[in-house]
Amino acid sequence: MKLIITPQVKELGISVCMALVKGANISNRSKPLDKLKKDVADKLQTKSTINNKILNGYKELYSKISAVSYAPPAEHLINLAKKNGQLPNINTIVDCYNLVSAETFLSIGAHDIAHIKGDVIFKITDGSERYTPLGDIIPVKISAGEYACVDGEKILCRMDVKQCNEKKKKKRTTEFIVYVQGNKNTTHDYLHEALEKVCKTIKLFCGGTYDILY
């Protein structure tokens, strides 16, 4: 499996680091992980998202493709932590990368290898791509000119905002990719450090092994 970032996407300043995780055990939640999430949520209470250069980098991307109504995932997580006093619970894999996302301001995603067809490609959409939003069962029409993470048959993640329904991680998931997506205001080293932290956090709470691919 290759990671391909098209020249048009690179011109937007988008960069990606990706790892392959094998043998991790996914569960609904973990008490030790919940404790770490609470510690992180407490620290986020004083973390400002105003004029943050990384978040502004994502917002500039959204503006370029007329998607200004979206908020960067990390900003959304930080606001939830401030409002609720805790980070959301999805499952142990998602919870691991969400807490790193909130700490680093970076957009992070993961996809089940079993449902990926071909290579992982970051490209500009032409409007013909198949996309079923997470939580839905009916595909929706998307606009041409957006950026997306796709495989050989469908959109895996629309921009860095919403993943597709086919790629949600379930308890039977045994092998998946996890990636960190940056913008013009992030360095490769910063993305790589965040990816390492995600993988180490997953290994600590879910077991398994990982290999940094890119």
N, C-alpha and C. Protein backbone atom coordinates (compact mmCIF):
# COMPACT_ATOMS: atom_id res chain seq x y z
N MET A 1 0.83 -1.20 0.00
CA MET A 1 0.00 0.00 0.00
C MET A 1 0.87 1.25 0.00
N LYS A 2 0.61 2.15 -0.93
CA LYS A 2 1.36 3.39 -1.02
C LYS A 2 0.54 4.56 -0.49
N LEU A 3 1.26 5.57 -0.01
CA LEU A 3 0.64 6.85 0.32
C LEU A 3 1.00 7.81 -0.80
N ILE A 4 -0.02 8.33 -1.48
CA ILE A 4 0.19 9.23 -2.62
C ILE A 4 -0.46 10.57 -2.32
N ILE A 5 0.33 11.62 -2.41
CA ILE A 5 -0.19 12.98 -2.27
C ILE A 5 -0.01 13.67 -3.61
N THR A 6 -1.10 14.02 -4.26
CA THR A 6 -1.01 14.58 -5.60
C THR A 6 -0.37 15.98 -5.57
N PRO A 7 0.22 16.41 -6.67
CA PRO A 7 0.83 17.74 -6.71
C PRO A 7 -0.13 18.86 -6.35
N GLN A 8 -1.40 18.73 -6.77
CA GLN A 8 -2.39 19.77 -6.47
C GLN A 8 -2.62 19.89 -4.96
N VAL A 9 -2.59 18.77 -4.25
CA VAL A 9 -2.77 18.78 -2.80
C VAL A 9 -1.52 19.34 -2.12
N LYS A 10 -0.37 18.96 -2.63
CA LYS A 10 0.88 19.49 -2.07
C LYS A 10 0.94 21.02 -2.21
N GLU A 11 0.40 21.52 -3.31
CA GLU A 11 0.40 22.97 -3.53
C GLU A 11 -0.43 23.70 -2.47
N LEU A 12 -1.39 23.00 -1.87
CA LEU A 12 -2.19 23.60 -0.80
C LEU A 12 -1.43 23.65 0.52
N GLY A 13 -0.26 23.00 0.57
CA GLY A 13 0.53 22.96 1.79
C GLY A 13 0.25 21.75 2.66
N ILE A 14 -0.54 20.81 2.13
CA ILE A 14 -0.91 19.63 2.91
C ILE A 14 0.23 18.60 2.88
N SER A 15 0.56 18.07 4.04
CA SER A 15 1.55 17.00 4.17
C SER A 15 0.99 15.94 5.11
N VAL A 16 1.47 14.72 4.98
CA VAL A 16 0.91 13.59 5.73
C VAL A 16 2.01 12.64 6.19
N CYS A 17 1.91 12.17 7.42
CA CYS A 17 2.73 11.06 7.93
C CYS A 17 1.79 9.91 8.27
N MET A 18 2.17 8.68 7.94
CA MET A 18 1.26 7.55 8.11
C MET A 18 1.98 6.34 8.71
N ALA A 19 1.26 5.58 9.53
CA ALA A 19 1.80 4.37 10.14
C ALA A 19 0.81 3.23 9.97
N LEU A 20 1.31 2.01 10.05
CA LEU A 20 0.48 0.81 10.01
C LEU A 20 0.51 0.17 11.39
N VAL A 21 -0.67 -0.08 11.94
CA VAL A 21 -0.80 -0.69 13.26
C VAL A 21 -1.41 -2.08 13.11
N LYS A 22 -0.80 -3.06 13.78
CA LYS A 22 -1.29 -4.44 13.71
C LYS A 22 -1.50 -4.99 15.12
N GLY A 23 -2.53 -5.82 15.26
CA GLY A 23 -2.73 -6.56 16.49
C GLY A 23 -3.22 -5.79 17.68
N ALA A 24 -3.68 -4.56 17.50
CA ALA A 24 -4.22 -3.78 18.63
C ALA A 24 -5.62 -4.29 18.97
N ASN A 25 -5.94 -4.27 20.25
CA ASN A 25 -7.26 -4.71 20.72
C ASN A 25 -8.15 -3.49 20.96
N ILE A 26 -9.24 -3.41 20.21
CA ILE A 26 -10.16 -2.28 20.32
C ILE A 26 -11.29 -2.64 21.28
N SER A 27 -11.55 -1.75 22.22
CA SER A 27 -12.66 -1.93 23.15
C SER A 27 -13.42 -0.61 23.27
N ASN A 28 -14.57 -0.67 23.94
CA ASN A 28 -15.38 0.54 24.07
C ASN A 28 -14.65 1.60 24.88
N ARG A 29 -13.99 1.18 25.95
CA ARG A 29 -13.26 2.14 26.76
C ARG A 29 -12.27 1.42 27.67
N SER A 30 -11.37 2.20 28.26
CA SER A 30 -10.35 1.67 29.16
C SER A 30 -10.23 2.62 30.34
N LYS A 31 -10.28 2.11 31.54
CA LYS A 31 -10.18 2.97 32.72
C LYS A 31 -8.84 3.73 32.77
N PRO A 32 -7.71 3.06 32.50
CA PRO A 32 -6.44 3.81 32.49
C PRO A 32 -6.42 4.89 31.41
N LEU A 33 -6.99 4.59 30.24
CA LEU A 33 -7.06 5.59 29.18
C LEU A 33 -8.00 6.73 29.57
N ASP A 34 -9.11 6.39 30.21
CA ASP A 34 -10.03 7.43 30.68
C ASP A 34 -9.34 8.39 31.64
N LYS A 35 -8.47 7.85 32.48
CA LYS A 35 -7.74 8.71 33.42
C LYS A 35 -6.82 9.68 32.69
N LEU A 36 -6.11 9.16 31.68
CA LEU A 36 -5.23 10.02 30.89
C LEU A 36 -6.05 11.07 30.14
N LYS A 37 -7.17 10.67 29.59
CA LYS A 37 -8.04 11.62 28.89
C LYS A 37 -8.51 12.73 29.81
N LYS A 38 -8.82 12.38 31.06
CA LYS A 38 -9.27 13.39 32.03
C LYS A 38 -8.13 14.34 32.36
N ASP A 39 -6.92 13.81 32.50
CA ASP A 39 -5.75 14.66 32.77
C ASP A 39 -5.52 15.63 31.62
N VAL A 40 -5.64 15.12 30.39
CA VAL A 40 -5.47 15.97 29.22
C VAL A 40 -6.58 17.02 29.15
N ALA A 41 -7.81 16.59 29.41
CA ALA A 41 -8.94 17.53 29.38
C ALA A 41 -8.76 18.64 30.39
N ASP A 42 -8.23 18.32 31.56
CA ASP A 42 -7.99 19.35 32.59
C ASP A 42 -6.97 20.38 32.09
N LYS A 43 -5.94 19.90 31.41
CA LYS A 43 -4.91 20.81 30.88
C LYS A 43 -5.45 21.68 29.75
N LEU A 44 -6.43 21.14 29.02
CA LEU A 44 -6.99 21.88 27.89
C LEU A 44 -7.85 23.06 28.32
N GLN A 45 -8.24 23.10 29.59
CA GLN A 45 -9.11 24.18 30.06
C GLN A 45 -8.46 25.55 29.88
N THR A 46 -7.14 25.60 29.90
CA THR A 46 -6.44 26.87 29.76
C THR A 46 -5.75 27.01 28.40
N LYS A 47 -6.04 26.08 27.50
CA LYS A 47 -5.39 26.10 26.18
C LYS A 47 -6.21 26.97 25.22
N SER A 48 -5.60 27.99 24.66
CA SER A 48 -6.30 28.90 23.76
C SER A 48 -6.23 28.41 22.32
N THR A 49 -7.33 28.57 21.61
CA THR A 49 -7.36 28.25 20.18
C THR A 49 -7.37 29.53 19.33
N ILE A 50 -7.31 30.66 19.97
CA ILE A 50 -7.37 31.95 19.26
C ILE A 50 -6.03 32.25 18.60
N ASN A 51 -6.09 32.54 17.32
CA ASN A 51 -4.89 32.88 16.54
C ASN A 51 -3.79 31.84 16.62
N ASN A 52 -4.20 30.56 16.77
CA ASN A 52 -3.22 29.48 16.74
C ASN A 52 -2.82 29.23 15.29
N LYS A 53 -1.52 29.23 15.01
CA LYS A 53 -1.08 29.16 13.62
C LYS A 53 -1.42 27.83 12.95
N ILE A 54 -1.42 26.73 13.70
CA ILE A 54 -1.76 25.44 13.11
C ILE A 54 -3.25 25.38 12.76
N LEU A 55 -4.10 25.79 13.70
CA LEU A 55 -5.54 25.82 13.42
C LEU A 55 -5.85 26.79 12.30
N ASN A 56 -5.17 27.91 12.28
CA ASN A 56 -5.38 28.89 11.21
C ASN A 56 -4.98 28.32 9.86
N GLY A 57 -3.97 27.43 9.85
CA GLY A 57 -3.56 26.78 8.61
C GLY A 57 -4.66 25.92 8.04
N TYR A 58 -5.36 25.18 8.90
CA TYR A 58 -6.50 24.38 8.43
C TYR A 58 -7.63 25.27 7.94
N LYS A 59 -7.91 26.34 8.70
CA LYS A 59 -9.01 27.24 8.32
C LYS A 59 -8.73 27.91 6.98
N GLU A 60 -7.47 28.20 6.71
CA GLU A 60 -7.12 28.77 5.42
C GLU A 60 -7.38 27.76 4.30
N LEU A 61 -7.09 26.49 4.57
CA LEU A 61 -7.40 25.45 3.59
C LEU A 61 -8.90 25.39 3.31
N TYR A 62 -9.70 25.41 4.37
CA TYR A 62 -11.16 25.36 4.19
C TYR A 62 -11.64 26.57 3.39
N SER A 63 -11.06 27.73 3.67
CA SER A 63 -11.45 28.94 2.97
C SER A 63 -11.15 28.84 1.48
N LYS A 64 -10.03 28.23 1.14
CA LYS A 64 -9.64 28.09 -0.26
C LYS A 64 -10.63 27.27 -1.06
N ILE A 65 -11.31 26.33 -0.39
CA ILE A 65 -12.28 25.48 -1.09
C ILE A 65 -13.71 25.81 -0.70
N SER A 66 -13.91 27.01 -0.15
CA SER A 66 -15.25 27.51 0.21
C SER A 66 -15.96 26.61 1.21
N ALA A 67 -15.20 26.11 2.18
CA ALA A 67 -15.78 25.28 3.25
C ALA A 67 -15.56 25.96 4.60
N VAL A 68 -15.85 27.25 4.65
CA VAL A 68 -15.52 28.05 5.83
C VAL A 68 -16.38 27.72 7.05
N SER A 69 -17.45 26.94 6.86
CA SER A 69 -18.32 26.61 7.99
C SER A 69 -17.72 25.54 8.88
N TYR A 70 -16.66 24.88 8.43
CA TYR A 70 -16.05 23.81 9.20
C TYR A 70 -15.04 24.35 10.21
N ALA A 71 -14.93 23.64 11.33
CA ALA A 71 -13.89 23.93 12.33
C ALA A 71 -12.89 22.78 12.30
N PRO A 72 -11.61 23.05 12.49
CA PRO A 72 -10.63 21.97 12.54
C PRO A 72 -10.99 20.96 13.64
N PRO A 73 -10.80 19.67 13.38
CA PRO A 73 -11.14 18.64 14.38
C PRO A 73 -10.53 18.89 15.75
N ALA A 74 -9.27 19.32 15.80
CA ALA A 74 -8.62 19.56 17.09
C ALA A 74 -9.31 20.68 17.86
N GLU A 75 -9.72 21.73 17.16
CA GLU A 75 -10.42 22.82 17.82
C GLU A 75 -11.75 22.35 18.38
N HIS A 76 -12.43 21.51 17.63
CA HIS A 76 -13.70 20.94 18.10
C HIS A 76 -13.49 20.11 19.36
N LEU A 77 -12.44 19.30 19.39
CA LEU A 77 -12.16 18.47 20.57
C LEU A 77 -11.82 19.33 21.78
N ILE A 78 -11.02 20.37 21.57
CA ILE A 78 -10.65 21.25 22.68
C ILE A 78 -11.89 21.95 23.24
N ASN A 79 -12.76 22.41 22.35
CA ASN A 79 -13.99 23.08 22.81
C ASN A 79 -14.90 22.12 23.58
N LEU A 80 -14.96 20.86 23.14
CA LEU A 80 -15.75 19.86 23.87
C LEU A 80 -15.18 19.63 25.26
N ALA A 81 -13.85 19.53 25.34
CA ALA A 81 -13.20 19.31 26.64
C ALA A 81 -13.47 20.48 27.58
N LYS A 82 -13.43 21.69 27.05
CA LYS A 82 -13.69 22.87 27.89
C LYS A 82 -15.14 22.91 28.34
N LYS A 83 -16.05 22.50 27.47
CA LYS A 83 -17.47 22.55 27.79
C LYS A 83 -17.88 21.44 28.75
N ASN A 84 -17.39 20.22 28.50
CA ASN A 84 -17.85 19.05 29.24
C ASN A 84 -16.88 18.58 30.33
N GLY A 85 -15.68 19.15 30.33
CA GLY A 85 -14.68 18.72 31.30
C GLY A 85 -14.03 17.40 30.96
N GLN A 86 -14.26 16.91 29.76
CA GLN A 86 -13.68 15.64 29.35
C GLN A 86 -13.69 15.52 27.83
N LEU A 87 -12.83 14.67 27.30
CA LEU A 87 -12.83 14.36 25.88
C LEU A 87 -13.87 13.28 25.60
N PRO A 88 -14.44 13.25 24.40
CA PRO A 88 -15.49 12.27 24.10
C PRO A 88 -14.97 10.83 24.11
N ASN A 89 -15.88 9.90 24.35
CA ASN A 89 -15.56 8.48 24.29
C ASN A 89 -16.16 7.89 23.01
N ILE A 90 -15.31 7.36 22.14
CA ILE A 90 -15.76 6.68 20.93
C ILE A 90 -15.40 5.20 21.04
N ASN A 91 -14.13 4.92 20.99
CA ASN A 91 -13.56 3.62 21.32
C ASN A 91 -12.09 3.87 21.64
N THR A 92 -11.37 2.85 22.09
CA THR A 92 -10.02 3.08 22.60
C THR A 92 -9.04 3.56 21.53
N ILE A 93 -9.23 3.14 20.29
CA ILE A 93 -8.33 3.61 19.23
C ILE A 93 -8.59 5.08 18.91
N VAL A 94 -9.84 5.41 18.67
CA VAL A 94 -10.19 6.80 18.35
C VAL A 94 -9.85 7.72 19.52
N ASP A 95 -10.12 7.24 20.74
CA ASP A 95 -9.83 8.06 21.92
C ASP A 95 -8.34 8.36 22.04
N CYS A 96 -7.51 7.38 21.67
CA CYS A 96 -6.05 7.58 21.74
C CYS A 96 -5.61 8.68 20.79
N TYR A 97 -6.08 8.64 19.54
CA TYR A 97 -5.59 9.67 18.62
C TYR A 97 -6.30 11.01 18.81
N ASN A 98 -7.53 10.98 19.37
CA ASN A 98 -8.20 12.25 19.65
C ASN A 98 -7.46 13.05 20.72
N LEU A 99 -6.95 12.37 21.74
CA LEU A 99 -6.27 13.13 22.80
C LEU A 99 -4.97 13.73 22.29
N VAL A 100 -4.28 13.02 21.37
CA VAL A 100 -3.06 13.59 20.77
C VAL A 100 -3.43 14.74 19.84
N SER A 101 -4.53 14.60 19.12
CA SER A 101 -5.00 15.68 18.26
C SER A 101 -5.26 16.95 19.06
N ALA A 102 -5.93 16.80 20.19
CA ALA A 102 -6.24 17.97 21.03
C ALA A 102 -4.98 18.60 21.61
N GLU A 103 -4.00 17.77 21.92
CA GLU A 103 -2.74 18.29 22.49
C GLU A 103 -1.87 19.01 21.46
N THR A 104 -1.92 18.54 20.21
CA THR A 104 -1.00 19.04 19.18
C THR A 104 -1.66 19.99 18.19
N PHE A 105 -3.01 20.10 18.20
CA PHE A 105 -3.79 20.90 17.26
C PHE A 105 -3.85 20.27 15.87
N LEU A 106 -3.37 19.05 15.72
CA LEU A 106 -3.28 18.41 14.41
C LEU A 106 -4.50 17.55 14.09
N SER A 107 -4.78 17.40 12.80
CA SER A 107 -5.85 16.52 12.34
C SER A 107 -5.31 15.11 12.17
N ILE A 108 -5.97 14.14 12.82
CA ILE A 108 -5.49 12.76 12.84
C ILE A 108 -6.66 11.83 12.50
N GLY A 109 -6.39 10.81 11.69
CA GLY A 109 -7.43 9.85 11.34
C GLY A 109 -6.88 8.44 11.25
N ALA A 110 -7.78 7.47 11.16
CA ALA A 110 -7.38 6.06 11.03
C ALA A 110 -8.42 5.33 10.20
N HIS A 111 -7.97 4.32 9.45
CA HIS A 111 -8.86 3.55 8.59
C HIS A 111 -8.51 2.07 8.64
N ASP A 112 -9.55 1.25 8.67
CA ASP A 112 -9.41 -0.21 8.71
C ASP A 112 -8.85 -0.70 7.38
N ILE A 113 -7.71 -1.39 7.43
CA ILE A 113 -7.07 -1.91 6.23
C ILE A 113 -7.99 -2.85 5.45
N ALA A 114 -8.82 -3.60 6.16
CA ALA A 114 -9.67 -4.60 5.52
C ALA A 114 -10.63 -3.98 4.51
N HIS A 115 -10.91 -2.69 4.64
CA HIS A 115 -11.88 -2.05 3.76
C HIS A 115 -11.25 -1.02 2.84
N ILE A 116 -9.92 -1.03 2.74
CA ILE A 116 -9.24 -0.12 1.83
C ILE A 116 -8.88 -0.87 0.55
N LYS A 117 -9.25 -0.30 -0.57
CA LYS A 117 -8.99 -0.90 -1.87
C LYS A 117 -7.88 -0.12 -2.58
N GLY A 118 -6.70 -0.71 -2.67
CA GLY A 118 -5.61 -0.05 -3.37
C GLY A 118 -4.82 0.89 -2.48
N ASP A 119 -4.28 1.94 -3.08
CA ASP A 119 -3.44 2.89 -2.36
C ASP A 119 -4.27 3.94 -1.63
N VAL A 120 -3.61 4.64 -0.71
CA VAL A 120 -4.24 5.76 0.00
C VAL A 120 -3.76 7.03 -0.70
N ILE A 121 -4.71 7.80 -1.21
CA ILE A 121 -4.38 8.95 -2.05
C ILE A 121 -5.05 10.22 -1.50
N PHE A 122 -4.27 11.29 -1.42
CA PHE A 122 -4.82 12.60 -1.10
C PHE A 122 -4.91 13.38 -2.40
N LYS A 123 -6.12 13.75 -2.78
CA LYS A 123 -6.34 14.34 -4.10
C LYS A 123 -7.41 15.44 -4.02
N ILE A 124 -7.53 16.18 -5.11
CA ILE A 124 -8.61 17.15 -5.25
C ILE A 124 -9.79 16.43 -5.90
N THR A 125 -10.96 16.58 -5.35
CA THR A 125 -12.14 15.87 -5.86
C THR A 125 -12.61 16.46 -7.18
N ASP A 126 -13.22 15.60 -8.00
CA ASP A 126 -13.83 16.08 -9.25
C ASP A 126 -15.36 16.02 -9.19
N GLY A 127 -15.89 15.58 -8.03
CA GLY A 127 -17.34 15.53 -7.84
C GLY A 127 -17.97 14.19 -8.15
N SER A 128 -17.20 13.27 -8.71
CA SER A 128 -17.75 11.95 -9.07
C SER A 128 -17.48 10.90 -8.00
N GLU A 129 -16.71 11.25 -6.98
CA GLU A 129 -16.29 10.28 -5.97
C GLU A 129 -17.48 9.80 -5.11
N ARG A 130 -17.40 8.54 -4.69
CA ARG A 130 -18.43 7.99 -3.79
C ARG A 130 -18.07 8.34 -2.36
N TYR A 131 -19.05 8.86 -1.62
CA TYR A 131 -18.80 9.24 -0.23
C TYR A 131 -20.04 9.02 0.61
N THR A 132 -19.89 8.18 1.64
CA THR A 132 -20.96 7.96 2.62
C THR A 132 -20.46 8.47 3.96
N PRO A 133 -21.00 9.57 4.48
CA PRO A 133 -20.50 10.14 5.74
C PRO A 133 -20.61 9.16 6.90
N LEU A 134 -19.71 9.29 7.86
CA LEU A 134 -19.73 8.46 9.06
C LEU A 134 -21.08 8.57 9.74
N GLY A 135 -21.70 7.42 10.02
CA GLY A 135 -22.99 7.40 10.67
C GLY A 135 -24.17 7.31 9.72
N ASP A 136 -23.92 7.47 8.40
CA ASP A 136 -24.97 7.39 7.40
C ASP A 136 -24.83 6.09 6.61
N ILE A 137 -25.87 5.77 5.85
CA ILE A 137 -25.82 4.57 5.00
C ILE A 137 -26.04 4.92 3.54
N ILE A 138 -26.41 6.16 3.27
CA ILE A 138 -26.68 6.59 1.90
C ILE A 138 -25.58 7.53 1.43
N PRO A 139 -24.95 7.25 0.29
CA PRO A 139 -23.91 8.16 -0.23
C PRO A 139 -24.47 9.54 -0.51
N VAL A 140 -23.63 10.54 -0.36
CA VAL A 140 -24.04 11.92 -0.64
C VAL A 140 -23.15 12.49 -1.73
N LYS A 141 -23.68 13.49 -2.43
CA LYS A 141 -22.93 14.16 -3.48
C LYS A 141 -21.96 15.15 -2.85
N ILE A 142 -20.72 15.15 -3.34
CA ILE A 142 -19.75 16.13 -2.87
C ILE A 142 -19.37 17.04 -4.03
N SER A 143 -18.81 18.18 -3.68
CA SER A 143 -18.46 19.17 -4.69
C SER A 143 -17.08 18.88 -5.28
N ALA A 144 -16.89 19.29 -6.50
CA ALA A 144 -15.56 19.27 -7.10
C ALA A 144 -14.73 20.37 -6.46
N GLY A 145 -13.41 20.12 -6.35
CA GLY A 145 -12.52 21.15 -5.84
C GLY A 145 -12.19 21.04 -4.37
N GLU A 146 -12.77 20.05 -3.67
CA GLU A 146 -12.38 19.79 -2.28
C GLU A 146 -11.13 18.90 -2.28
N TYR A 147 -10.48 18.78 -1.11
CA TYR A 147 -9.42 17.78 -1.01
C TYR A 147 -9.95 16.64 -0.16
N ALA A 148 -9.48 15.44 -0.44
CA ALA A 148 -9.99 14.26 0.26
C ALA A 148 -8.94 13.16 0.28
N CYS A 149 -9.06 12.29 1.26
CA CYS A 149 -8.28 11.06 1.33
C CYS A 149 -9.14 9.96 0.72
N VAL A 150 -8.65 9.31 -0.31
CA VAL A 150 -9.45 8.32 -1.03
C VAL A 150 -8.66 7.03 -1.21
N ASP A 151 -9.40 5.96 -1.55
CA ASP A 151 -8.74 4.75 -2.02
C ASP A 151 -9.18 4.54 -3.47
N GLY A 152 -9.13 3.31 -3.96
CA GLY A 152 -9.45 3.07 -5.35
C GLY A 152 -10.92 3.12 -5.70
N GLU A 153 -11.79 3.23 -4.68
CA GLU A 153 -13.21 3.21 -5.00
C GLU A 153 -14.06 4.23 -4.26
N LYS A 154 -13.51 4.92 -3.25
CA LYS A 154 -14.36 5.81 -2.45
C LYS A 154 -13.52 6.81 -1.66
N ILE A 155 -14.20 7.80 -1.11
CA ILE A 155 -13.57 8.75 -0.20
C ILE A 155 -13.46 8.12 1.18
N LEU A 156 -12.27 8.12 1.74
CA LEU A 156 -12.06 7.63 3.10
C LEU A 156 -12.32 8.73 4.13
N CYS A 157 -11.89 9.95 3.79
CA CYS A 157 -12.12 11.09 4.68
C CYS A 157 -12.28 12.34 3.84
N ARG A 158 -13.36 13.06 4.07
CA ARG A 158 -13.62 14.31 3.36
C ARG A 158 -12.82 15.42 4.02
N MET A 159 -11.90 16.03 3.27
CA MET A 159 -10.93 16.97 3.83
C MET A 159 -10.25 16.28 5.01
N ASP A 160 -10.11 16.96 6.14
CA ASP A 160 -9.63 16.30 7.35
C ASP A 160 -10.73 16.34 8.41
N VAL A 161 -11.97 16.46 7.94
CA VAL A 161 -13.08 16.76 8.84
C VAL A 161 -13.95 15.56 9.16
N LYS A 162 -14.39 14.80 8.14
CA LYS A 162 -15.34 13.72 8.43
C LYS A 162 -15.01 12.47 7.63
N GLN A 163 -14.83 11.36 8.34
CA GLN A 163 -14.49 10.09 7.71
C GLN A 163 -15.74 9.43 7.13
N CYS A 164 -15.50 8.44 6.28
CA CYS A 164 -16.62 7.74 5.67
C CYS A 164 -17.10 6.61 6.57
N ASN A 165 -18.33 6.19 6.36
CA ASN A 165 -18.94 5.19 7.22
C ASN A 165 -18.29 3.82 7.09
N GLU A 166 -17.80 3.50 5.88
CA GLU A 166 -17.20 2.18 5.67
C GLU A 166 -15.92 1.98 6.46
N LYS A 167 -15.29 3.07 6.86
CA LYS A 167 -13.97 2.96 7.48
C LYS A 167 -13.98 3.01 9.00
N LYS A 168 -15.17 3.06 9.61
CA LYS A 168 -15.19 3.15 11.07
C LYS A 168 -14.58 1.90 11.67
N LYS A 169 -13.85 2.09 12.76
CA LYS A 169 -13.14 1.00 13.40
C LYS A 169 -14.04 0.26 14.37
N LYS A 170 -14.07 -1.07 14.24
CA LYS A 170 -14.91 -1.90 15.08
C LYS A 170 -14.04 -2.83 15.91
N LYS A 171 -14.67 -3.55 16.84
CA LYS A 171 -13.91 -4.43 17.72
C LYS A 171 -13.16 -5.51 16.95
N ARG A 172 -13.67 -5.89 15.78
CA ARG A 172 -13.01 -6.95 15.01
C ARG A 172 -11.87 -6.41 14.15
N THR A 173 -11.68 -5.10 14.12
CA THR A 173 -10.58 -4.53 13.36
C THR A 173 -9.25 -4.99 13.94
N THR A 174 -8.38 -5.52 13.08
CA THR A 174 -7.09 -6.03 13.56
C THR A 174 -5.90 -5.31 12.95
N GLU A 175 -6.12 -4.59 11.87
CA GLU A 175 -5.03 -3.92 11.18
C GLU A 175 -5.55 -2.63 10.57
N PHE A 176 -4.89 -1.53 10.87
CA PHE A 176 -5.37 -0.24 10.36
C PHE A 176 -4.22 0.73 10.18
N ILE A 177 -4.47 1.72 9.33
CA ILE A 177 -3.51 2.80 9.18
C ILE A 177 -3.96 3.96 10.06
N VAL A 178 -2.99 4.71 10.54
CA VAL A 178 -3.28 5.95 11.25
C VAL A 178 -2.39 7.02 10.64
N TYR A 179 -2.93 8.20 10.41
CA TYR A 179 -2.15 9.25 9.77
C TYR A 179 -2.39 10.61 10.42
N VAL A 180 -1.39 11.45 10.32
CA VAL A 180 -1.45 12.82 10.81
C VAL A 180 -1.33 13.74 9.60
N GLN A 181 -2.30 14.62 9.45
CA GLN A 181 -2.32 15.53 8.30
C GLN A 181 -2.01 16.95 8.73
N GLY A 182 -1.01 17.54 8.11
CA GLY A 182 -0.61 18.90 8.45
C GLY A 182 -0.98 19.90 7.37
N ASN A 183 -0.56 21.13 7.58
CA ASN A 183 -0.81 22.20 6.63
C ASN A 183 0.47 23.03 6.47
N LYS A 184 0.38 24.16 5.81
CA LYS A 184 1.59 24.93 5.50
C LYS A 184 2.30 25.44 6.76
N ASN A 185 1.60 25.42 7.90
CA ASN A 185 2.18 25.93 9.15
C ASN A 185 2.73 24.82 10.04
N THR A 186 2.84 23.60 9.51
CA THR A 186 3.39 22.49 10.29
C THR A 186 4.63 21.93 9.59
N THR A 187 5.56 21.42 10.36
CA THR A 187 6.76 20.82 9.80
C THR A 187 6.61 19.30 9.77
N HIS A 188 7.43 18.67 8.94
CA HIS A 188 7.42 17.20 8.88
C HIS A 188 7.81 16.62 10.24
N ASP A 189 8.79 17.21 10.88
CA ASP A 189 9.24 16.71 12.19
C ASP A 189 8.10 16.76 13.21
N TYR A 190 7.32 17.84 13.18
CA TYR A 190 6.22 17.97 14.14
C TYR A 190 5.16 16.90 13.87
N LEU A 191 4.86 16.66 12.60
CA LEU A 191 3.89 15.61 12.25
C LEU A 191 4.40 14.24 12.67
N HIS A 192 5.68 13.99 12.41
CA HIS A 192 6.27 12.68 12.73
C HIS A 192 6.26 12.44 14.24
N GLU A 193 6.58 13.47 15.02
CA GLU A 193 6.56 13.33 16.49
C GLU A 193 5.15 13.03 16.99
N ALA A 194 4.17 13.70 16.40
CA ALA A 194 2.78 13.46 16.80
C ALA A 194 2.34 12.05 16.43
N LEU A 195 2.75 11.58 15.24
CA LEU A 195 2.39 10.22 14.82
C LEU A 195 3.02 9.19 15.74
N GLU A 196 4.27 9.40 16.11
CA GLU A 196 4.93 8.49 17.06
C GLU A 196 4.17 8.47 18.38
N LYS A 197 3.72 9.63 18.84
CA LYS A 197 2.99 9.70 20.10
C LYS A 197 1.66 8.95 20.01
N VAL A 198 0.98 9.10 18.87
CA VAL A 198 -0.28 8.37 18.67
C VAL A 198 -0.04 6.87 18.74
N CYS A 199 0.96 6.41 18.00
CA CYS A 199 1.23 4.97 17.94
C CYS A 199 1.65 4.41 19.30
N LYS A 200 2.47 5.16 20.02
CA LYS A 200 2.89 4.71 21.35
C LYS A 200 1.71 4.69 22.32
N THR A 201 0.81 5.64 22.19
CA THR A 201 -0.37 5.67 23.06
C THR A 201 -1.28 4.49 22.76
N ILE A 202 -1.48 4.20 21.46
CA ILE A 202 -2.28 3.04 21.08
C ILE A 202 -1.65 1.75 21.60
N LYS A 203 -0.34 1.62 21.43
CA LYS A 203 0.34 0.42 21.91
C LYS A 203 0.22 0.27 23.42
N LEU A 204 0.31 1.38 24.15
CA LEU A 204 0.23 1.34 25.61
C LEU A 204 -1.13 0.86 26.09
N PHE A 205 -2.20 1.34 25.47
CA PHE A 205 -3.54 1.04 25.97
C PHE A 205 -4.26 -0.06 25.20
N CYS A 206 -3.80 -0.36 23.99
CA CYS A 206 -4.49 -1.34 23.15
C CYS A 206 -3.60 -2.48 22.70
N GLY A 207 -2.28 -2.38 22.98
CA GLY A 207 -1.37 -3.43 22.54
C GLY A 207 -1.07 -3.31 21.06
N GLY A 208 -0.52 -4.38 20.49
CA GLY A 208 -0.19 -4.39 19.09
C GLY A 208 1.19 -3.85 18.78
N THR A 209 1.49 -3.76 17.50
CA THR A 209 2.76 -3.24 17.01
C THR A 209 2.48 -2.19 15.94
N TYR A 210 3.50 -1.39 15.64
CA TYR A 210 3.31 -0.39 14.59
C TYR A 210 4.59 -0.17 13.81
N ASP A 211 4.41 0.27 12.56
CA ASP A 211 5.53 0.64 11.69
C ASP A 211 5.20 1.98 11.06
N ILE A 212 6.13 2.93 11.18
CA ILE A 212 5.97 4.22 10.51
C ILE A 212 6.28 4.01 9.03
N LEU A 213 5.31 4.27 8.17
CA LEU A 213 5.49 4.03 6.75
C LEU A 213 6.01 5.25 6.01
N TYR A 214 5.52 6.43 6.38
CA TYR A 214 5.91 7.66 5.71
C TYR A 214 5.98 8.80 6.73
